[in-house]
Protein backbone atom coordinates (compact mmCIF):
# COMPACT_ATOMS: atom_id res chain seq x y z
CA MET A 1 1.03 15.39 22.75
CA THR A 2 3.37 17.83 21.00
CA THR A 3 2.99 21.52 21.49
CA ASP A 4 5.19 22.04 18.91
CA MET A 5 3.04 24.55 17.30
CA GLY A 6 5.66 24.70 13.88
CA VAL A 7 5.46 21.10 13.82
CA LEU A 8 1.74 20.37 14.36
CA ARG A 9 1.16 23.36 11.71
CA GLN A 10 3.61 21.51 9.35
CA GLN A 11 1.69 18.36 8.99
CA THR A 12 -2.03 19.51 9.77
CA MET A 13 -0.81 21.70 6.45
CA ALA A 14 0.53 19.06 4.45
CA ASN A 15 -2.74 16.69 5.58
CA ALA A 16 -5.14 20.08 4.93
CA ARG A 17 -2.89 19.73 1.23
CA LEU A 18 -4.14 16.47 0.19
CA LEU A 19 -7.86 16.78 1.52
CA LEU A 20 -8.07 20.56 -0.08
CA LYS A 21 -8.14 22.12 -3.35
CA PRO A 22 -7.62 25.44 -3.30
CA THR A 23 -9.11 26.26 -7.03
CA GLY A 24 -12.47 24.30 -5.88
CA PHE A 25 -12.71 27.24 -3.89
CA THR A 26 -11.48 30.03 -5.91
CA THR A 27 -9.21 30.62 -9.53
CA ASN A 28 -7.52 33.75 -8.68
CA LYS A 29 -5.17 33.04 -6.04
CA ALA A 30 -4.79 36.32 -5.18
CA ALA A 31 -8.61 36.73 -4.22
CA GLY A 32 -7.85 34.62 -1.04
CA GLY A 33 -7.36 30.89 -2.77
CA ASP A 34 -4.46 29.72 -1.14
CA LEU A 35 -4.65 27.85 2.60
CA ASP A 36 -3.61 28.82 5.59
CA VAL A 37 -3.35 27.53 9.27
CA VAL A 38 -5.19 30.45 11.99
CA VAL A 39 -5.29 29.82 16.04
CA PHE A 40 -8.34 32.39 17.23
CA GLY A 41 -10.25 33.10 20.67
CA HIS A 42 -9.29 34.52 23.75
CA SER A 43 -8.90 34.06 27.45
CA THR A 44 -9.29 29.75 27.47
CA GLN A 45 -11.25 29.69 24.48
CA PHE A 46 -9.11 29.02 20.90
CA THR A 47 -9.82 27.27 18.40
CA ALA A 48 -8.04 25.97 15.15
CA ALA A 49 -8.37 26.17 11.22
CA VAL A 50 -7.64 25.56 8.05
CA MET A 51 -8.37 28.53 6.33
CA VAL A 52 -8.74 28.89 2.31
CA GLY A 53 -9.02 32.52 1.62
CA LEU A 54 -11.21 33.96 4.81
CA THR A 55 -13.27 30.70 4.79
CA PRO A 56 -12.96 28.27 7.55
CA ALA A 57 -12.95 25.01 5.41
CA ILE A 58 -11.72 22.47 8.54
CA GLU A 59 -12.09 23.38 12.25
CA GLY A 60 -10.75 21.91 15.49
CA THR A 61 -12.85 21.62 18.41
CA GLU A 62 -12.90 25.32 20.71
CA GLU A 63 -10.26 24.15 23.37
CA LYS A 64 -8.37 26.37 26.49
CA THR A 65 -5.26 27.11 24.81
CA PRO A 66 -4.02 27.90 21.37
CA GLU A 67 -1.27 25.15 21.55
CA LEU A 68 -4.22 21.84 21.76
CA ALA A 69 -6.45 23.70 19.64
CA MET A 70 -3.28 22.90 16.89
CA ASN A 71 -3.61 19.21 18.95
CA LYS A 72 -7.19 19.42 18.14
CA LEU A 73 -7.06 20.70 14.22
CA PHE A 74 -4.08 17.97 13.96
CA LEU A 75 -6.83 15.18 14.64
CA ALA A 76 -9.32 17.06 12.56
CA THR A 77 -7.48 16.06 9.45
CA CYS A 78 -6.11 12.74 10.70
CA GLU A 79 -9.34 11.50 10.85
CA LEU A 80 -10.67 13.29 7.43
CA LEU A 81 -7.70 11.95 5.87
CA LYS A 82 -8.49 8.02 7.68
CA LEU A 83 -12.39 8.52 5.57
CA TYR A 84 -11.24 9.92 2.70
CA LEU A 85 -7.42 8.29 1.38
CA PRO A 86 -7.66 5.27 -0.42
CA LYS A 87 -6.96 1.84 0.98
CA ALA A 88 -4.59 -1.24 0.16
CA LEU A 89 -4.99 -2.13 -3.15
CA PRO A 90 -3.59 -5.11 -4.53
CA HIS A 91 -0.94 -3.43 -6.07
CA GLN A 92 0.11 -2.51 -2.87
CA ARG A 93 2.70 -4.68 -0.94
CA ASN A 94 3.21 -4.63 3.18
CA ILE A 95 6.59 -3.80 4.49
CA HIS A 96 8.04 -6.27 6.43
CA GLY A 97 7.88 -4.11 10.69
CA GLY A 98 4.61 -2.34 9.21
CA GLY A 99 2.59 0.22 6.50
CA VAL A 100 2.01 -0.58 2.76
CA PHE A 101 3.94 0.64 -0.63
CA ASP A 102 2.29 1.47 -3.94
CA ASP A 103 4.98 -0.33 -6.00
CA GLU A 104 2.95 2.09 -9.15
CA LEU A 105 4.51 4.69 -7.94
CA ILE A 106 7.49 3.97 -6.95
CA ALA A 107 10.34 4.66 -9.11
CA LYS A 108 11.14 1.76 -11.80
CA ALA A 109 14.61 2.42 -11.55
CA THR A 110 14.86 2.60 -8.29
CA ILE A 111 13.52 -0.06 -8.07
CA GLU A 112 15.97 -1.98 -10.66
CA ALA A 113 18.85 -0.14 -8.71
CA LEU A 114 17.79 -1.89 -5.52
CA LYS A 115 17.80 -5.28 -7.58
CA ASN A 116 21.00 -4.73 -9.00
CA ASN A 117 22.69 -3.96 -5.43
CA GLY A 118 20.36 -6.18 -3.03
């Protein structure tokens, strides 16, 4: 478990951007339509949340430290992504050593260059 708050925030924001559409909450960025990650609480009760303006969109569970709260929020976004990301489709290929890739999204020029150099 990482305790690097910067790394946790960056990955949590990346996950949240895939899950949330800020324009669905407000069309005016100045009115608070931007996503952000905050940690709030006191003493030994902290909660981390992805915010759309002043509205919590995703919250982790209450934890004893800010670092644990960020970890819980990150895990919450991971679980949500697992629920909502599409599963492997017929045009997706297995990667030797693990994982999959979508061959329809890889640039055709890249594929041709790899074939010519391989």
